[in-house]
């Protein structure tokens, strides 16, 4: 009997432990009682009735990412391309998620493909390639409305890759190559233009510096010539002053020596003789010296007559 009681006790403990459930963070448990929805357990410690209650579904409430395979779509101008999408969604109602649709991920994939075909079918190829943000917004809005009855909220939809036909890819690559070459030519032309401008500015600066140097040189030469002329004029003036001073000193010495008028007259004639020997073309002779000069000329004629 003791052994049977021990076995029964162990079974009771196991059943009691199995009725205790702990829901972790960012999860929710959908609980059924006798096959019918009984409730949703949130984070924490919970107890269920043995044998009649069970956890029907464990729901992850974190944001999830699903990367779908490329889907073939046709544009408005009849170009077939392949587009793969990435959907970011989050479960907001565990009960609807558990009972709303059989396979939620597959349902989202099929809904994404259908919505993408509808949107791309209204756009041309060029518009499709340049309007990713518009397509993403339309996709998110349509999927969010469609998945709301399933307890799913679509937060974001991204076009991961757009694969056009091979012929269009080649044409696009050639166009991109031509655009790169055009930009390269523009950059090269701009570089050459800047180089030419720099060379011209350098030459201009060189000419300006040469002109400035020539100007300074001419100024220095003019100043030197001016200084030379000033020095020469000062030398001549100083020489004239010295000659005049010497003449004045000589006259003063003669007067101080007591020379009479005849001596002064002779000295004047000597000075006149020296003046006459110069290169002057016009000489002004004082009146008193003119009389003496006439007398001297007459005496010279008499002496000449007597010698004859």
Protein backbone atom coordinates (compact mmCIF):
# COMPACT_ATOMS: atom_id res chain seq x y z
CA UNK A 1 0.00 0.00 0.00
CA UNK A 2 2.86 2.40 0.82
CA UNK A 3 4.36 1.92 -2.62
CA UNK A 4 1.05 2.65 -4.35
CA UNK A 5 0.57 5.78 -2.29
CA UNK A 6 4.06 6.94 -3.21
CA UNK A 7 3.34 6.44 -6.91
CA UNK A 8 0.05 8.31 -6.64
CA UNK A 9 1.82 11.15 -4.80
CA UNK A 10 4.43 11.41 -7.53
CA UNK A 11 1.70 11.51 -10.21
CA UNK A 12 -0.12 14.28 -8.37
CA UNK A 13 3.08 16.31 -8.08
CA UNK A 14 3.78 15.87 -11.80
CA UNK A 15 0.26 16.94 -12.72
CA UNK A 16 0.44 19.93 -10.38
CA UNK A 17 3.78 21.02 -11.85
CA UNK A 18 2.44 20.66 -15.39
CA UNK A 19 -0.42 22.99 -14.52
CA UNK A 20 1.99 25.78 -13.64
CA UNK A 21 3.02 27.91 -16.59
CA UNK A 22 5.39 30.88 -16.82
CA UNK A 23 4.96 33.18 -19.82
CA UNK A 24 8.27 34.88 -20.79
CA UNK A 25 8.69 38.47 -21.89
CA UNK A 26 7.42 39.39 -25.41
CA UNK A 27 5.26 36.26 -25.61
CA UNK A 28 1.57 35.44 -25.14
CA UNK A 29 -0.10 32.07 -24.68
CA UNK A 30 -3.50 31.26 -26.17
CA UNK A 31 -5.29 28.85 -23.77
CA UNK A 32 -8.20 26.54 -24.69
CA UNK A 33 -10.56 24.73 -22.34
CA UNK A 34 -12.13 21.58 -23.72
CA UNK A 35 -11.18 22.74 -27.22
CA UNK A 36 -12.70 26.22 -26.92
CA UNK A 37 -10.87 29.49 -26.52
CA UNK A 38 -10.52 30.16 -22.79
CA UNK A 39 -8.18 33.20 -22.67
CA UNK A 40 -4.79 34.74 -23.45
CA UNK A 41 -2.03 34.66 -20.89
CA UNK A 42 0.41 37.58 -20.77
CA UNK A 43 3.83 37.71 -19.11
CA UNK A 44 4.01 36.06 -15.66
CA UNK A 45 2.97 32.99 -13.64
CA UNK A 46 -0.24 31.19 -14.59
CA UNK A 47 -2.15 28.01 -13.55
CA UNK A 48 -4.35 25.87 -15.75
CA UNK A 49 -6.86 23.24 -14.98
CA UNK A 50 -5.43 19.78 -15.46
CA UNK A 51 -6.71 17.70 -18.36
CA UNK A 52 -9.27 20.27 -19.51
CA UNK A 53 -7.02 23.30 -20.20
CA UNK A 54 -4.17 23.40 -22.68
CA UNK A 55 -1.90 25.97 -24.29
CA UNK A 56 -3.12 26.03 -27.89
CA UNK A 57 -0.51 28.49 -29.29
CA UNK A 58 2.55 30.35 -28.09
CA UNK A 59 2.62 33.72 -29.87
CA UNK A 60 5.77 35.80 -30.34
CA UNK A 61 4.91 39.50 -29.91
CA UNK A 62 8.25 40.84 -31.12
CA UNK A 63 8.60 42.50 -34.55
CA UNK A 64 9.44 39.86 -37.14
CA UNK A 65 11.01 40.02 -40.57
CA UNK A 66 10.08 37.85 -43.54
CA UNK A 67 12.12 37.87 -46.76
CA UNK A 68 10.02 36.60 -49.65
CA UNK A 69 11.44 35.15 -52.85
CA UNK A 70 11.41 37.30 -56.03
CA UNK A 71 7.99 37.53 -57.63
CA UNK A 72 7.44 38.04 -61.40
CA UNK A 73 5.49 41.23 -62.15
CA UNK A 74 4.51 43.04 -65.35
CA UNK A 75 4.69 46.82 -65.69
CA UNK A 76 2.20 49.02 -67.49
CA UNK A 77 4.42 49.07 -70.60
CA UNK A 78 4.53 45.23 -70.66
CA UNK A 79 8.02 44.72 -69.20
CA UNK A 80 8.38 41.62 -67.04
CA UNK A 81 10.66 41.94 -64.05
CA UNK A 82 11.29 40.17 -60.78
CA UNK A 83 10.95 41.90 -57.42
CA UNK A 84 11.69 40.47 -54.00
CA UNK A 85 10.27 42.13 -50.90
CA UNK A 86 10.98 42.24 -47.19
CA UNK A 87 8.03 42.61 -44.78
CA UNK A 88 8.35 43.77 -41.16
CA UNK A 89 5.29 42.82 -39.10
CA UNK A 90 4.20 42.42 -35.51
CA UNK A 91 1.38 40.38 -33.89
CA UNK A 92 -0.96 42.65 -31.99
CA UNK A 93 -3.81 40.25 -31.18
CA UNK A 94 -2.78 36.68 -30.27
CA UNK A 95 -6.37 35.37 -30.45
CA UNK A 96 -6.94 36.64 -34.01
CA UNK A 97 -3.50 35.40 -35.02
CA UNK A 98 -4.30 31.93 -33.66
CA UNK A 99 -7.76 31.62 -35.18
CA UNK A 100 -7.83 34.17 -38.02
CA UNK A 101 -5.88 32.33 -40.73
CA UNK A 102 -4.41 28.84 -41.03
CA UNK A 103 -0.89 29.82 -42.12
CA UNK A 104 -0.31 33.54 -41.46
CA UNK A 105 3.19 33.71 -43.06
CA UNK A 106 2.04 32.06 -46.27
CA UNK A 107 -1.03 34.28 -46.32
CA UNK A 108 1.18 37.39 -45.98
CA UNK A 109 3.45 36.15 -48.80
CA UNK A 110 0.56 35.58 -51.20
CA UNK A 111 -1.03 38.88 -50.24
CA UNK A 112 2.30 40.66 -50.80
CA UNK A 113 2.70 39.17 -54.28
CA UNK A 114 -0.86 40.10 -55.27
CA UNK A 115 -0.58 43.64 -53.96
CA UNK A 116 2.80 44.14 -55.65
CA UNK A 117 1.44 43.01 -59.02
CA UNK A 118 -1.49 45.42 -58.72
CA UNK A 119 0.75 48.39 -57.89
CA UNK A 120 3.45 47.66 -60.49
CA UNK A 121 0.79 47.00 -63.16
CA UNK A 122 -0.20 50.68 -62.93
CA UNK A 123 3.37 51.98 -63.38
CA UNK A 124 5.82 52.04 -66.28
CA UNK A 125 9.36 50.67 -66.10
CA UNK A 126 11.14 53.98 -65.53
CA UNK A 127 8.66 54.99 -62.88
CA UNK A 128 9.03 51.62 -61.17
CA UNK A 129 12.81 51.96 -60.98
CA UNK A 130 12.66 55.46 -59.51
CA UNK A 131 9.64 55.18 -57.20
CA UNK A 132 10.65 52.63 -54.59
CA UNK A 133 9.52 54.79 -51.70
CA UNK A 134 6.09 55.26 -53.27
CA UNK A 135 5.74 51.51 -53.85
CA UNK A 136 6.85 50.74 -50.28
CA UNK A 137 4.25 53.13 -48.85
CA UNK A 138 1.42 51.72 -50.95
CA UNK A 139 2.42 48.15 -50.11
CA UNK A 140 2.55 48.82 -46.38
CA UNK A 141 -0.83 50.54 -46.36
CA UNK A 142 -2.54 47.77 -48.36
CA UNK A 143 -0.99 44.91 -46.36
CA UNK A 144 -1.73 46.55 -43.02
CA UNK A 145 -5.43 46.85 -43.87
CA UNK A 146 -5.60 43.27 -45.20
CA UNK A 147 -3.79 41.67 -42.24
CA UNK A 148 -5.65 43.56 -39.53
CA UNK A 149 -8.36 40.81 -39.21
CA UNK A 150 -5.53 38.32 -38.57
CA UNK A 151 -4.19 40.27 -35.58
CA UNK A 152 -1.08 41.34 -37.56
CA UNK A 153 0.24 44.86 -38.04
CA UNK A 154 2.57 45.49 -41.00
CA UNK A 155 5.09 48.12 -39.89
CA UNK A 156 7.20 48.40 -43.02
CA UNK A 157 7.63 46.95 -46.50
CA UNK A 158 10.86 47.25 -48.49
CA UNK A 159 11.61 46.34 -52.09
CA UNK A 160 14.85 44.46 -51.61
CA UNK A 161 15.76 44.12 -55.26
CA UNK A 162 14.30 44.93 -58.67
CA UNK A 163 15.57 42.66 -61.45
CA UNK A 164 14.64 43.85 -64.97
CA UNK A 165 15.16 41.70 -68.10
CA UNK A 166 18.70 41.11 -69.36
CA UNK A 167 18.27 43.36 -72.41
CA UNK A 168 17.06 46.22 -70.26
CA UNK A 169 19.90 45.62 -67.80
CA UNK A 170 22.41 45.93 -70.66
CA UNK A 171 20.79 49.13 -71.88
CA UNK A 172 20.79 50.53 -68.35
CA UNK A 173 24.46 49.62 -67.90
CA UNK A 174 25.35 51.34 -71.19
CA UNK A 175 23.38 54.40 -70.15
CA UNK A 176 25.10 54.46 -66.77
CA UNK A 177 28.47 54.05 -68.48
CA UNK A 178 27.70 56.94 -70.83
CA UNK A 179 26.60 59.05 -67.88
CA UNK A 180 29.80 58.24 -66.00
CA UNK A 181 31.88 59.14 -69.07
CA UNK A 182 29.95 62.39 -69.46
CA UNK A 183 30.56 63.31 -65.83
CA UNK A 184 34.21 62.35 -66.18
CA UNK A 185 34.53 64.59 -69.25
CA UNK A 186 32.86 67.43 -67.38
CA UNK A 187 35.16 67.00 -64.40
CA UNK A 188 38.19 66.81 -66.69
CA UNK A 189 37.10 69.97 -68.53
CA UNK A 190 36.54 71.76 -65.25
CA UNK A 191 39.98 70.64 -64.09
CA UNK A 192 41.61 71.90 -67.28
CA UNK A 193 39.68 75.16 -66.97
CA UNK A 194 40.85 75.65 -63.41
CA UNK A 195 44.40 74.79 -64.45
CA UNK A 196 44.25 77.35 -67.28
CA UNK A 197 42.89 79.95 -64.90
CA UNK A 198 45.66 79.24 -62.41
CA UNK A 199 48.32 79.51 -65.12
CA UNK A 200 46.83 82.78 -66.39
CA UNK A 201 46.65 84.15 -62.87
CA UNK A 202 50.26 83.10 -62.33
CA UNK A 203 51.34 84.85 -65.52
CA UNK A 204 49.32 87.92 -64.58
CA UNK A 205 50.90 87.96 -61.15
CA UNK A 206 54.34 87.56 -62.73
CA UNK A 207 53.72 90.48 -65.11
CA UNK A 208 52.45 92.61 -62.24
CA UNK A 209 55.50 91.77 -60.15
CA UNK A 210 57.84 92.51 -63.07
CA UNK A 211 56.11 95.84 -63.71
CA UNK A 212 56.26 96.65 -60.02
CA UNK A 213 59.97 95.76 -59.96
CA UNK A 214 60.60 97.90 -63.06
CA UNK A 215 58.68 100.75 -61.47
CA UNK A 216 60.72 100.50 -58.29
CA UNK A 217 63.91 100.29 -60.34
CA UNK A 218 62.95 103.40 -62.36
CA UNK A 219 62.12 105.24 -59.15
CA UNK A 220 65.45 104.26 -57.65
CA UNK A 221 67.30 105.32 -60.84
CA UNK A 222 65.47 108.66 -60.89
CA UNK A 223 66.21 109.20 -57.22
CA UNK A 224 69.87 108.34 -57.83
CA UNK A 225 70.04 110.74 -60.81
CA UNK A 226 68.32 113.41 -58.75
CA UNK A 227 70.75 112.85 -55.89
CA UNK A 228 73.67 113.04 -58.35
CA UNK A 229 72.45 116.31 -59.84
CA UNK A 230 71.89 117.73 -56.39
CA UNK A 231 75.40 116.72 -55.36
CA UNK A 232 76.88 118.21 -58.54
CA UNK A 233 74.95 121.46 -58.10
CA UNK A 234 75.99 121.64 -54.48
CA UNK A 235 79.64 121.03 -55.55
CA UNK A 236 79.49 123.74 -58.21
CA UNK A 237 77.83 126.15 -55.81
CA UNK A 238 80.42 125.39 -53.19
CA UNK A 239 83.22 125.90 -55.77
CA UNK A 240 81.74 129.25 -56.85
CA UNK A 241 81.46 130.30 -53.23
CA UNK A 242 85.10 129.36 -52.64
CA UNK A 243 86.24 131.28 -55.77
CA UNK A 244 84.26 134.33 -54.72
CA UNK A 245 85.57 134.00 -51.21
CA UNK A 246 89.16 133.76 -52.52
CA UNK A 247 88.64 136.82 -54.77
CA UNK A 248 87.19 138.79 -51.92
CA UNK A 249 90.06 137.74 -49.68
CA UNK A 250 92.57 138.77 -52.37
CA UNK A 251 91.02 142.24 -52.79
CA UNK A 252 90.88 142.70 -49.06
CA UNK A 253 94.55 141.75 -48.74
CA UNK A 254 95.51 144.20 -51.53
CA UNK A 255 93.63 146.99 -49.83
CA UNK A 256 95.14 146.15 -46.53
CA UNK A 257 98.60 146.24 -48.17
CA UNK A 258 97.91 149.88 -49.21
CA UNK A 259 97.71 149.39 -52.97
CA UNK A 260 96.71 152.50 -54.95
CA UNK A 261 94.19 152.85 -57.74
CA UNK A 262 96.65 151.91 -60.47
CA UNK A 263 97.45 148.59 -58.85
CA UNK A 264 93.73 147.80 -58.50
CA UNK A 265 93.31 148.71 -62.16
CA UNK A 266 96.09 146.36 -63.21
CA UNK A 267 94.58 143.55 -61.15
CA UNK A 268 91.28 144.19 -62.81
CA UNK A 269 92.93 143.97 -66.23
CA UNK A 270 94.53 140.68 -65.24
CA UNK A 271 91.17 139.34 -64.17
CA UNK A 272 89.66 140.58 -67.43
CA UNK A 273 92.43 138.83 -69.38
CA UNK A 274 91.66 135.55 -67.64
CA UNK A 275 88.01 136.01 -68.32
CA UNK A 276 88.67 136.73 -71.97
CA UNK A 277 90.66 133.53 -72.33
CA UNK A 278 87.56 131.50 -71.30
CA UNK A 279 84.85 130.09 -73.53
CA UNK A 280 82.30 132.82 -72.82
CA UNK A 281 80.77 134.33 -75.98
CA UNK A 282 79.77 137.61 -74.38
CA UNK A 283 81.72 139.64 -71.78
CA UNK A 284 80.49 142.81 -70.07
CA UNK A 285 83.43 145.17 -69.29
CA UNK A 286 83.04 147.87 -66.66
CA UNK A 287 83.37 151.48 -67.93
CA UNK A 288 86.45 152.29 -65.95
CA UNK A 289 88.23 149.24 -67.33
CA UNK A 290 87.17 150.19 -70.86
CA UNK A 291 89.05 153.52 -70.60
CA UNK A 292 92.17 151.89 -69.41
CA UNK A 293 91.90 149.28 -72.12
CA UNK A 294 91.66 152.04 -74.78
CA UNK A 295 94.73 153.73 -73.40
CA UNK A 296 96.63 150.46 -73.47
CA UNK A 297 95.62 149.88 -77.08
CA UNK A 298 96.85 153.35 -78.11
CA UNK A 299 100.18 152.86 -76.38
CA UNK A 300 100.58 149.49 -78.12
CA UNK A 301 100.03 151.13 -81.55
CA UNK A 302 102.68 153.82 -80.82
CA UNK A 303 105.18 151.19 -79.82
CA UNK A 304 104.48 149.27 -82.99
CA UNK A 305 104.96 152.40 -85.13
CA UNK A 306 108.30 153.19 -83.53
CA UNK A 307 109.54 149.65 -84.18
CA UNK A 308 108.66 149.99 -87.83
